[in-house]
Amino acid sequence: MTRYYEDIAVGETIDCGSYEITKDEIVEFAQKYDPQPFHLDEEAAKDSFLGGLVASGWQTACLCMRQNVRHMDDRQFAGARGVDDLRWIQPLRPGDTLSVETEVVAKEPNETYPSIGNVTMETIGHNQRDEPVITYRALGMMERQDPIE
């Protein structure tokens, strides 16, 4: 069933599943987008304050987005207005499993586009030890089934 803005309730929580990150994925992402030594090279990473190879925070955010999209594909999203309060709490390391949960925390009409409603969602990602890794508020937009006139 397709879900529109009207079908989404504040307080709704979505388990967006989990994903295990590999060393190769971390290095490949870093080579393209965040070429810092602690993302690229295990030996160099050992000498950093992180004490070992870690995923880029941007990669962690992308993995959360991937999980959100895969587990909310029944919703009529129309894009996003941005992200607030992005925090990388601790690094994601090779072999870690990132579990993602998203909660709808606010809804409001979109004043510019009557066919769209604004939906604010809080996402948290935990590692396999249930330790928080990342949190943020996504400012999404969803299609309305009944546009405001």
C-alpha atoms as a PDB file:
ATOM      1  CA  MET A   1       0.000   0.000   0.000  1.00  0.00           C
ATOM      2  CA  THR A   2       1.325   3.434  -0.925  1.00  0.00           C
ATOM      3  CA  ARG A   3       1.561   5.789   2.053  1.00  0.00           C
ATOM      4  CA  TYR A   4       1.156   9.547   1.707  1.00  0.00           C
ATOM      5  CA  TYR A   5       1.689  12.473   4.082  1.00  0.00           C
ATOM      6  CA  GLU A   6      -1.791  11.965   5.546  1.00  0.00           C
ATOM      7  CA  ASP A   7      -0.993   8.329   6.384  1.00  0.00           C
ATOM      8  CA  ILE A   8       2.083   9.116   8.495  1.00  0.00           C
ATOM      9  CA  ALA A   9       1.670   9.663  12.245  1.00  0.00           C
ATOM     10  CA  VAL A  10       3.916  11.571  14.607  1.00  0.00           C
ATOM     11  CA  GLY A  11       5.499   9.001  16.913  1.00  0.00           C
ATOM     12  CA  GLU A  12       5.638   6.315  14.228  1.00  0.00           C
ATOM     13  CA  THR A  13       8.917   4.412  14.461  1.00  0.00           C
ATOM     14  CA  ILE A  14      10.472   2.500  11.599  1.00  0.00           C
ATOM     15  CA  ASP A  15      13.055  -0.268  12.074  1.00  0.00           C
ATOM     16  CA  CYS A  16      15.216   0.245   9.003  1.00  0.00           C
ATOM     17  CA  GLY A  17      17.272  -2.896   9.407  1.00  0.00           C
ATOM     18  CA  SER A  18      21.016  -3.257   9.649  1.00  0.00           C
ATOM     19  CA  TYR A  19      24.113  -3.346   7.500  1.00  0.00           C
ATOM     20  CA  GLU A  20      27.594  -4.765   8.141  1.00  0.00           C
ATOM     21  CA  ILE A  21      30.409  -2.530   6.863  1.00  0.00           C
ATOM     22  CA  THR A  22      33.624  -3.985   5.461  1.00  0.00           C
ATOM     23  CA  LYS A  23      37.175  -2.664   5.381  1.00  0.00           C
ATOM     24  CA  ASP A  24      37.092  -2.608   1.570  1.00  0.00           C
ATOM     25  CA  GLU A  25      33.928  -0.469   1.538  1.00  0.00           C
ATOM     26  CA  ILE A  26      35.447   1.974   4.024  1.00  0.00           C
ATOM     27  CA  VAL A  27      38.624   2.391   1.972  1.00  0.00           C
ATOM     28  CA  GLU A  28      36.760   2.632  -1.353  1.00  0.00           C
ATOM     29  CA  PHE A  29      34.443   5.358  -0.042  1.00  0.00           C
ATOM     30  CA  ALA A  30      37.372   7.251   1.477  1.00  0.00           C
ATOM     31  CA  GLN A  31      39.371   7.118  -1.747  1.00  0.00           C
ATOM     32  CA  LYS A  32      36.492   8.780  -3.588  1.00  0.00           C
ATOM     33  CA  TYR A  33      35.042  11.166  -1.016  1.00  0.00           C
ATOM     34  CA  ASP A  34      36.992  11.535   2.249  1.00  0.00           C
ATOM     35  CA  PRO A  35      40.679  10.695   1.721  1.00  0.00           C
ATOM     36  CA  GLN A  36      41.919  11.097   5.271  1.00  0.00           C
ATOM     37  CA  PRO A  37      44.563   8.631   6.525  1.00  0.00           C
ATOM     38  CA  PHE A  38      42.344   7.105   9.249  1.00  0.00           C
ATOM     39  CA  HIS A  39      39.808   6.146   6.547  1.00  0.00           C
ATOM     40  CA  LEU A  40      42.367   4.892   4.024  1.00  0.00           C
ATOM     41  CA  ASP A  41      45.242   3.105   5.693  1.00  0.00           C
ATOM     42  CA  GLU A  42      45.177   0.704   8.647  1.00  0.00           C
ATOM     43  CA  GLU A  43      48.751   1.494   9.704  1.00  0.00           C
ATOM     44  CA  ALA A  44      48.275   5.257   9.553  1.00  0.00           C
ATOM     45  CA  ALA A  45      44.944   4.892  11.358  1.00  0.00           C
ATOM     46  CA  LYS A  46      46.622   3.053  14.251  1.00  0.00           C
ATOM     47  CA  ASP A  47      48.682   6.185  14.937  1.00  0.00           C
ATOM     48  CA  SER A  48      45.624   8.457  14.931  1.00  0.00           C
ATOM     49  CA  PHE A  49      43.519   9.303  17.979  1.00  0.00           C
ATOM     50  CA  LEU A  50      40.973   6.798  16.614  1.00  0.00           C
ATOM     51  CA  GLY A  51      43.394   3.902  17.049  1.00  0.00           C
ATOM     52  CA  GLY A  52      42.385   2.130  13.876  1.00  0.00           C
ATOM     53  CA  LEU A  53      40.608   2.290  10.534  1.00  0.00           C
ATOM     54  CA  VAL A  54      37.143   3.888  10.681  1.00  0.00           C
ATOM     55  CA  ALA A  55      34.406   4.766   8.198  1.00  0.00           C
ATOM     56  CA  SER A  56      33.914   8.375   7.216  1.00  0.00           C
ATOM     57  CA  GLY A  57      31.037   9.992   9.065  1.00  0.00           C
ATOM     58  CA  TRP A  58      29.628  10.862   5.653  1.00  0.00           C
ATOM     59  CA  GLN A  59      29.695   7.179   4.720  1.00  0.00           C
ATOM     60  CA  THR A  60      27.864   6.366   7.945  1.00  0.00           C
ATOM     61  CA  ALA A  61      25.213   8.953   7.037  1.00  0.00           C
ATOM     62  CA  CYS A  62      24.931   7.463   3.530  1.00  0.00           C
ATOM     63  CA  LEU A  63      24.454   3.984   4.977  1.00  0.00           C
ATOM     64  CA  CYS A  64      21.627   5.311   7.154  1.00  0.00           C
ATOM     65  CA  MET A  65      20.041   6.895   4.088  1.00  0.00           C
ATOM     66  CA  ARG A  66      20.319   3.603   2.226  1.00  0.00           C
ATOM     67  CA  GLN A  67      18.586   1.729   5.050  1.00  0.00           C
ATOM     68  CA  ASN A  68      15.876   4.389   5.327  1.00  0.00           C
ATOM     69  CA  VAL A  69      15.113   4.254   1.601  1.00  0.00           C
ATOM     70  CA  ARG A  70      15.014   0.442   1.574  1.00  0.00           C
ATOM     71  CA  HIS A  71      12.615   0.239   4.502  1.00  0.00           C
ATOM     72  CA  MET A  72      10.355   3.158   3.642  1.00  0.00           C
ATOM     73  CA  ASP A  73       9.853   2.475  -0.053  1.00  0.00           C
ATOM     74  CA  ASP A  74       6.080   2.399   0.403  1.00  0.00           C
ATOM     75  CA  ARG A  75       6.077   6.120   1.246  1.00  0.00           C
ATOM     76  CA  GLN A  76       5.673   8.831  -1.370  1.00  0.00           C
ATOM     77  CA  PHE A  77       8.740  10.901  -0.525  1.00  0.00           C
ATOM     78  CA  ALA A  78       9.307  13.994  -2.628  1.00  0.00           C
ATOM     79  CA  GLY A  79      12.826  14.883  -1.498  1.00  0.00           C
ATOM     80  CA  ALA A  80      14.164  16.707   1.506  1.00  0.00           C
ATOM     81  CA  ARG A  81      14.747  20.220   2.795  1.00  0.00           C
ATOM     82  CA  GLY A  82      17.905  19.354   4.690  1.00  0.00           C
ATOM     83  CA  VAL A  83      19.321  17.725   7.793  1.00  0.00           C
ATOM     84  CA  ASP A  84      19.648  19.219  11.282  1.00  0.00           C
ATOM     85  CA  ASP A  85      21.634  18.208  14.333  1.00  0.00           C
ATOM     86  CA  LEU A  86      23.867  15.662  12.590  1.00  0.00           C
ATOM     87  CA  ARG A  87      26.160  14.075  15.171  1.00  0.00           C
ATOM     88  CA  TRP A  88      28.793  11.393  14.755  1.00  0.00           C
ATOM     89  CA  ILE A  89      28.942   9.950  18.241  1.00  0.00           C
ATOM     90  CA  GLN A  90      31.549   7.278  17.690  1.00  0.00           C
ATOM     91  CA  PRO A  91      33.205   5.745  14.660  1.00  0.00           C
ATOM     92  CA  LEU A  92      31.977   2.832  12.611  1.00  0.00           C
ATOM     93  CA  ARG A  93      34.760   0.270  12.205  1.00  0.00           C
ATOM     94  CA  PRO A  94      35.308  -2.609   9.761  1.00  0.00           C
ATOM     95  CA  GLY A  95      33.024  -5.506  10.693  1.00  0.00           C
ATOM     96  CA  ASP A  96      30.613  -3.307  12.666  1.00  0.00           C
ATOM     97  CA  THR A  97      26.910  -3.737  12.037  1.00  0.00           C
ATOM     98  CA  LEU A  98      24.962  -0.493  11.792  1.00  0.00           C
ATOM     99  CA  SER A  99      21.297  -0.804  12.841  1.00  0.00           C
ATOM    100  CA  VAL A 100      19.060   2.115  11.893  1.00  0.00           C
ATOM    101  CA  GLU A 101      15.807   3.319  13.464  1.00  0.00           C
ATOM    102  CA  THR A 102      13.816   6.375  12.413  1.00  0.00           C
ATOM    103  CA  GLU A 103      10.967   8.109  14.240  1.00  0.00           C
ATOM    104  CA  VAL A 104       8.531  10.665  12.810  1.00  0.00           C
ATOM    105  CA  VAL A 105       8.720  13.604  15.238  1.00  0.00           C
ATOM    106  CA  ALA A 106       6.770  16.348  13.424  1.00  0.00           C
ATOM    107  CA  LYS A 107       4.470  17.040  10.470  1.00  0.00           C
ATOM    108  CA  GLU A 108       3.316  20.313   8.938  1.00  0.00           C
ATOM    109  CA  PRO A 109       1.899  21.528   5.651  1.00  0.00           C
ATOM    110  CA  ASN A 110       4.354  22.893   3.107  1.00  0.00           C
ATOM    111  CA  GLU A 111       3.418  26.528   2.522  1.00  0.00           C
ATOM    112  CA  THR A 112       5.150  26.765  -0.842  1.00  0.00           C
ATOM    113  CA  TYR A 113       3.929  23.527  -2.412  1.00  0.00           C
ATOM    114  CA  PRO A 114       0.327  22.553  -1.523  1.00  0.00           C
ATOM    115  CA  SER A 115       0.805  19.047  -2.918  1.00  0.00           C
ATOM    116  CA  ILE A 116       3.583  18.367  -0.378  1.00  0.00           C
ATOM    117  CA  GLY A 117       3.723  17.961   3.405  1.00  0.00           C
ATOM    118  CA  ASN A 118       6.824  18.396   5.565  1.00  0.00           C
ATOM    119  CA  VAL A 119       7.830  15.463   7.765  1.00  0.00           C
ATOM    120  CA  THR A 120      10.640  15.670  10.323  1.00  0.00           C
ATOM    121  CA  MET A 121      12.263  12.371  11.253  1.00  0.00           C
ATOM    122  CA  GLU A 122      14.902  11.564  13.867  1.00  0.00           C
ATOM    123  CA  THR A 123      17.301   8.820  12.874  1.00  0.00           C
ATOM    124  CA  ILE A 124      19.679   6.968  15.154  1.00  0.00           C
ATOM    125  CA  GLY A 125      22.219   4.357  14.144  1.00  0.00           C
ATOM    126  CA  HIS A 126      23.646   1.884  16.652  1.00  0.00           C
ATOM    127  CA  ASN A 127      26.482  -0.580  16.343  1.00  0.00           C
ATOM    128  CA  GLN A 128      26.186  -4.258  17.248  1.00  0.00           C
ATOM    129  CA  ARG A 129      26.885  -3.409  20.915  1.00  0.00           C
ATOM    130  CA  ASP A 130      23.811  -1.117  20.889  1.00  0.00           C
ATOM    131  CA  GLU A 131      26.053   1.938  21.206  1.00  0.00           C
ATOM    132  CA  PRO A 132      24.894   5.040  19.333  1.00  0.00           C
ATOM    133  CA  VAL A 133      27.058   5.850  16.319  1.00  0.00           C
ATOM    134  CA  ILE A 134      25.089   8.599  14.537  1.00  0.00           C
ATOM    135  CA  THR A 135      21.996  10.759  15.088  1.00  0.00           C
ATOM    136  CA  TYR A 136      20.298  13.404  12.947  1.00  0.00           C
ATOM    137  CA  ARG A 137      16.961  15.040  12.094  1.00  0.00           C
ATOM    138  CA  ALA A 138      15.934  14.689   8.455  1.00  0.00           C
ATOM    139  CA  LEU A 139      13.603  17.344   7.084  1.00  0.00           C
ATOM    140  CA  GLY A 140      11.684  15.329   4.515  1.00  0.00           C
ATOM    141  CA  MET A 141       8.848  16.120   2.152  1.00  0.00           C
ATOM    142  CA  MET A 142       6.042  13.738   1.228  1.00  0.00           C
ATOM    143  CA  GLU A 143       3.359  13.907  -1.407  1.00  0.00           C
ATOM    144  CA  ARG A 144      -0.134  14.646  -0.141  1.00  0.00           C
ATOM    145  CA  GLN A 145      -2.967  12.444  -1.277  1.00  0.00           C
ATOM    146  CA  ASP A 146      -5.309  15.423  -0.852  1.00  0.00           C
ATOM    147  CA  PRO A 147      -3.396  18.627  -1.731  1.00  0.00           C
ATOM    148  CA  ILE A 148      -4.328  21.780   0.157  1.00  0.00           C
ATOM    149  CA  GLU A 149      -6.122  24.293  -2.032  1.00  0.00           C
END
